[in-house]
Amino acid sequence: MQKKIVPNVVQRTQVSKVVVGDTAYETAKLMAKNHIAAMVVSDEQGDIIGIVTERDMTQRVIAAGLDSKFTLVKDIMTANPDTLSPNDSAGDALELMQTRNYRHLPVVENGQCVAVVSIRDLYAWVKKALEKDIRETEAFVFGDRYGA
């Protein structure tokens, strides 16, 4: 059975958001305060229109020599990012992240971001699934579960 992104990998949550007029500095402070590596960018209705990541900050602000206090989110965000549905499978998410070199993907339902899944979330889920498979295989082989 395919596991869904929500609720098997991540839970629905109140996602921290910024708007295009916020500065990179304000965004970085919010990311640090919340211990997160990616921020969703939303429009006035709260619909997702972009994403800003630590990588964006590093490459598009610091490495470019820009002043984060005057650089706007609209100038560094990835507009119209790829997204997942809560019903997408963990395998599909992992494949998309691997092929497109992403570390974070917004999970969107009706235009609203309901979660952000990270590559770490997916690795943790895969690890847990593999450990379960190993336990079940050992139980079968050694007869712990099947009366052998």
C-alpha atoms as a PDB file:
ATOM      1  CA  MET A   1       0.000   0.000   0.000  1.00  0.00           C
ATOM      2  CA  GLN A   2       1.343   3.404  -0.973  1.00  0.00           C
ATOM      3  CA  LYS A   3       1.778   5.750   1.958  1.00  0.00           C
ATOM      4  CA  LYS A   4       0.436   9.273   1.583  1.00  0.00           C
ATOM      5  CA  ILE A   5       2.436  12.398   2.315  1.00  0.00           C
ATOM      6  CA  VAL A   6      -0.247  13.511   4.798  1.00  0.00           C
ATOM      7  CA  PRO A   7      -0.584  11.931   7.366  1.00  0.00           C
ATOM      8  CA  ASN A   8       2.045   9.185   6.910  1.00  0.00           C
ATOM      9  CA  VAL A   9       5.123  11.357   6.375  1.00  0.00           C
ATOM     10  CA  VAL A  10       4.119  14.795   7.726  1.00  0.00           C
ATOM     11  CA  GLN A  11       1.100  16.203   9.520  1.00  0.00           C
ATOM     12  CA  ARG A  12      -1.036  19.145   8.516  1.00  0.00           C
ATOM     13  CA  THR A  13       0.305  22.244  10.208  1.00  0.00           C
ATOM     14  CA  GLN A  14       0.032  26.009  10.302  1.00  0.00           C
ATOM     15  CA  VAL A  15       2.772  26.782   7.787  1.00  0.00           C
ATOM     16  CA  SER A  16       4.878  29.915   8.329  1.00  0.00           C
ATOM     17  CA  LYS A  17       4.526  32.252   5.366  1.00  0.00           C
ATOM     18  CA  VAL A  18       6.021  35.453   4.027  1.00  0.00           C
ATOM     19  CA  VAL A  19       4.852  37.802   1.266  1.00  0.00           C
ATOM     20  CA  VAL A  20       6.709  39.190  -1.744  1.00  0.00           C
ATOM     21  CA  GLY A  21       7.276  42.562  -0.066  1.00  0.00           C
ATOM     22  CA  ASP A  22       9.099  41.104   2.941  1.00  0.00           C
ATOM     23  CA  THR A  23      12.870  41.390   2.957  1.00  0.00           C
ATOM     24  CA  ALA A  24      15.365  38.557   2.843  1.00  0.00           C
ATOM     25  CA  TYR A  25      16.572  39.706   6.265  1.00  0.00           C
ATOM     26  CA  GLU A  26      13.084  39.476   7.817  1.00  0.00           C
ATOM     27  CA  THR A  27      12.592  36.094   6.192  1.00  0.00           C
ATOM     28  CA  ALA A  28      15.933  34.771   7.433  1.00  0.00           C
ATOM     29  CA  LYS A  29      15.153  35.927  10.980  1.00  0.00           C
ATOM     30  CA  LEU A  30      11.788  34.156  10.862  1.00  0.00           C
ATOM     31  CA  MET A  31      13.408  30.990   9.510  1.00  0.00           C
ATOM     32  CA  ALA A  32      15.995  31.059  12.302  1.00  0.00           C
ATOM     33  CA  LYS A  33      13.365  31.723  14.973  1.00  0.00           C
ATOM     34  CA  ASN A  34      11.228  28.800  13.791  1.00  0.00           C
ATOM     35  CA  HIS A  35      14.202  26.494  13.051  1.00  0.00           C
ATOM     36  CA  ILE A  36      13.076  25.905   9.478  1.00  0.00           C
ATOM     37  CA  ALA A  37      14.976  25.869   6.215  1.00  0.00           C
ATOM     38  CA  ALA A  38      12.231  26.933   3.803  1.00  0.00           C
ATOM     39  CA  MET A  39       9.477  29.541   3.832  1.00  0.00           C
ATOM     40  CA  VAL A  40       6.343  29.527   1.729  1.00  0.00           C
ATOM     41  CA  VAL A  41       5.571  32.789  -0.079  1.00  0.00           C
ATOM     42  CA  SER A  42       1.878  33.581  -0.309  1.00  0.00           C
ATOM     43  CA  ASP A  43      -0.354  36.159  -1.957  1.00  0.00           C
ATOM     44  CA  GLU A  44      -2.988  38.299  -0.228  1.00  0.00           C
ATOM     45  CA  GLN A  45      -5.463  35.385  -0.164  1.00  0.00           C
ATOM     46  CA  GLY A  46      -2.902  33.069   1.429  1.00  0.00           C
ATOM     47  CA  ASP A  47      -2.391  31.004  -1.720  1.00  0.00           C
ATOM     48  CA  ILE A  48       1.130  29.782  -2.367  1.00  0.00           C
ATOM     49  CA  ILE A  49       3.022  31.656  -5.082  1.00  0.00           C
ATOM     50  CA  GLY A  50       6.611  30.777  -4.219  1.00  0.00           C
ATOM     51  CA  ILE A  51       9.155  29.325  -1.832  1.00  0.00           C
ATOM     52  CA  VAL A  52      12.370  30.698  -0.330  1.00  0.00           C
ATOM     53  CA  THR A  53      14.993  28.312   1.018  1.00  0.00           C
ATOM     54  CA  GLU A  54      18.321  28.537   2.806  1.00  0.00           C
ATOM     55  CA  ARG A  55      19.922  27.723  -0.532  1.00  0.00           C
ATOM     56  CA  ASP A  56      18.158  30.731  -2.115  1.00  0.00           C
ATOM     57  CA  MET A  57      19.457  32.963   0.675  1.00  0.00           C
ATOM     58  CA  THR A  58      22.997  31.693   0.218  1.00  0.00           C
ATOM     59  CA  GLN A  59      23.128  31.811  -3.563  1.00  0.00           C
ATOM     60  CA  ARG A  60      20.859  34.732  -4.412  1.00  0.00           C
ATOM     61  CA  VAL A  61      21.646  37.097  -1.541  1.00  0.00           C
ATOM     62  CA  ILE A  62      24.953  36.371   0.174  1.00  0.00           C
ATOM     63  CA  ALA A  63      26.925  35.047  -2.810  1.00  0.00           C
ATOM     64  CA  ALA A  64      25.469  37.808  -5.004  1.00  0.00           C
ATOM     65  CA  GLY A  65      26.679  40.440  -2.520  1.00  0.00           C
ATOM     66  CA  LEU A  66      23.197  41.849  -1.914  1.00  0.00           C
ATOM     67  CA  ASP A  67      22.085  43.577   1.283  1.00  0.00           C
ATOM     68  CA  SER A  68      19.493  41.314   2.899  1.00  0.00           C
ATOM     69  CA  LYS A  69      17.773  44.276   4.548  1.00  0.00           C
ATOM     70  CA  PHE A  70      16.903  45.734   1.141  1.00  0.00           C
ATOM     71  CA  THR A  71      16.494  42.575  -0.959  1.00  0.00           C
ATOM     72  CA  LEU A  72      12.850  41.596  -1.371  1.00  0.00           C
ATOM     73  CA  VAL A  73      11.516  38.060  -1.242  1.00  0.00           C
ATOM     74  CA  LYS A  74      10.043  38.505  -4.742  1.00  0.00           C
ATOM     75  CA  ASP A  75      13.593  38.892  -6.089  1.00  0.00           C
ATOM     76  CA  ILE A  76      14.982  35.688  -4.580  1.00  0.00           C
ATOM     77  CA  MET A  77      12.042  33.281  -4.336  1.00  0.00           C
ATOM     78  CA  THR A  78      11.355  30.369  -6.617  1.00  0.00           C
ATOM     79  CA  ALA A  79       8.022  31.354  -8.155  1.00  0.00           C
ATOM     80  CA  ASN A  80       5.332  28.772  -8.904  1.00  0.00           C
ATOM     81  CA  PRO A  81       7.193  25.941  -7.189  1.00  0.00           C
ATOM     82  CA  ASP A  82       6.452  22.299  -7.789  1.00  0.00           C
ATOM     83  CA  THR A  83       4.105  21.064  -5.081  1.00  0.00           C
ATOM     84  CA  LEU A  84       2.646  17.881  -3.722  1.00  0.00           C
ATOM     85  CA  SER A  85      -0.913  16.952  -2.859  1.00  0.00           C
ATOM     86  CA  PRO A  86      -1.595  15.468   0.585  1.00  0.00           C
ATOM     87  CA  ASN A  87      -2.611  12.271  -1.272  1.00  0.00           C
ATOM     88  CA  ASP A  88       0.642  11.948  -3.238  1.00  0.00           C
ATOM     89  CA  SER A  89       2.788   8.993  -2.258  1.00  0.00           C
ATOM     90  CA  ALA A  90       6.016   9.221  -0.327  1.00  0.00           C
ATOM     91  CA  GLY A  91       7.727   7.440  -3.224  1.00  0.00           C
ATOM     92  CA  ASP A  92       6.528  10.034  -5.721  1.00  0.00           C
ATOM     93  CA  ALA A  93       7.744  12.832  -3.449  1.00  0.00           C
ATOM     94  CA  LEU A  94      11.148  11.219  -3.044  1.00  0.00           C
ATOM     95  CA  GLU A  95      11.499  10.734  -6.798  1.00  0.00           C
ATOM     96  CA  LEU A  96      10.531  14.354  -7.545  1.00  0.00           C
ATOM     97  CA  MET A  97      12.967  15.657  -4.947  1.00  0.00           C
ATOM     98  CA  GLN A  98      15.771  13.475  -6.275  1.00  0.00           C
ATOM     99  CA  THR A  99      15.260  14.269  -9.962  1.00  0.00           C
ATOM    100  CA  ARG A 100      14.812  18.027  -9.431  1.00  0.00           C
ATOM    101  CA  ASN A 101      17.399  18.349  -6.644  1.00  0.00           C
ATOM    102  CA  TYR A 102      14.908  19.738  -4.108  1.00  0.00           C
ATOM    103  CA  ARG A 103      15.204  19.576  -0.336  1.00  0.00           C
ATOM    104  CA  HIS A 104      11.720  20.936   0.450  1.00  0.00           C
ATOM    105  CA  LEU A 105       8.348  20.698  -1.252  1.00  0.00           C
ATOM    106  CA  PRO A 106       5.131  22.443  -0.238  1.00  0.00           C
ATOM    107  CA  VAL A 107       2.094  20.222   0.238  1.00  0.00           C
ATOM    108  CA  VAL A 108      -0.848  22.125  -1.237  1.00  0.00           C
ATOM    109  CA  GLU A 109      -4.593  21.609  -1.075  1.00  0.00           C
ATOM    110  CA  ASN A 110      -7.006  24.072  -2.711  1.00  0.00           C
ATOM    111  CA  GLY A 111      -4.182  26.591  -3.218  1.00  0.00           C
ATOM    112  CA  GLN A 112      -3.286  26.602   0.477  1.00  0.00           C
ATOM    113  CA  CYS A 113      -0.060  25.136   1.834  1.00  0.00           C
ATOM    114  CA  VAL A 114      -0.979  22.571   4.504  1.00  0.00           C
ATOM    115  CA  ALA A 115       2.558  21.283   5.165  1.00  0.00           C
ATOM    116  CA  VAL A 116       6.108  21.337   3.874  1.00  0.00           C
ATOM    117  CA  VAL A 117       7.852  18.005   3.403  1.00  0.00           C
ATOM    118  CA  SER A 118      11.637  17.878   3.579  1.00  0.00           C
ATOM    119  CA  ILE A 119      14.063  15.309   2.293  1.00  0.00           C
ATOM    120  CA  ARG A 120      14.816  14.552   5.963  1.00  0.00           C
ATOM    121  CA  ASP A 121      11.138  13.746   6.563  1.00  0.00           C
ATOM    122  CA  LEU A 122      11.213  11.319   3.653  1.00  0.00           C
ATOM    123  CA  TYR A 123      14.496   9.706   4.725  1.00  0.00           C
ATOM    124  CA  ALA A 124      13.069   9.180   8.222  1.00  0.00           C
ATOM    125  CA  TRP A 125       9.934   7.602   6.743  1.00  0.00           C
ATOM    126  CA  VAL A 126      11.979   5.302   4.450  1.00  0.00           C
ATOM    127  CA  LYS A 127      14.198   4.269   7.371  1.00  0.00           C
ATOM    128  CA  LYS A 128      11.156   3.437   9.496  1.00  0.00           C
ATOM    129  CA  ALA A 129       9.561   1.446   6.645  1.00  0.00           C
ATOM    130  CA  LEU A 130      12.784  -0.511   6.030  1.00  0.00           C
ATOM    131  CA  GLU A 131      13.153  -1.320   9.728  1.00  0.00           C
ATOM    132  CA  LYS A 132       9.569  -2.614   9.771  1.00  0.00           C
ATOM    133  CA  ASP A 133      10.236  -4.776   6.703  1.00  0.00           C
ATOM    134  CA  ILE A 134      13.372  -6.211   8.341  1.00  0.00           C
ATOM    135  CA  ARG A 135      11.460  -7.054  11.541  1.00  0.00           C
ATOM    136  CA  GLU A 136       8.705  -8.761   9.544  1.00  0.00           C
ATOM    137  CA  THR A 137      11.213 -10.698   7.438  1.00  0.00           C
ATOM    138  CA  GLU A 138      13.101 -11.846  10.542  1.00  0.00           C
ATOM    139  CA  ALA A 139       9.832 -12.902  12.183  1.00  0.00           C
ATOM    140  CA  PHE A 140       8.927 -14.932   9.097  1.00  0.00           C
ATOM    141  CA  VAL A 141      12.365 -16.512   8.676  1.00  0.00           C
ATOM    142  CA  PHE A 142      12.810 -17.370  12.335  1.00  0.00           C
ATOM    143  CA  GLY A 143       9.196 -18.351  12.920  1.00  0.00           C
ATOM    144  CA  ASP A 144       8.452 -15.793  15.647  1.00  0.00           C
ATOM    145  CA  ARG A 145       5.162 -14.812  14.069  1.00  0.00           C
ATOM    146  CA  TYR A 146       4.056 -17.582  11.808  1.00  0.00           C
ATOM    147  CA  GLY A 147       4.313 -20.631  14.076  1.00  0.00           C
ATOM    148  CA  ALA A 148       7.238 -22.215  12.243  1.00  0.00           C
END
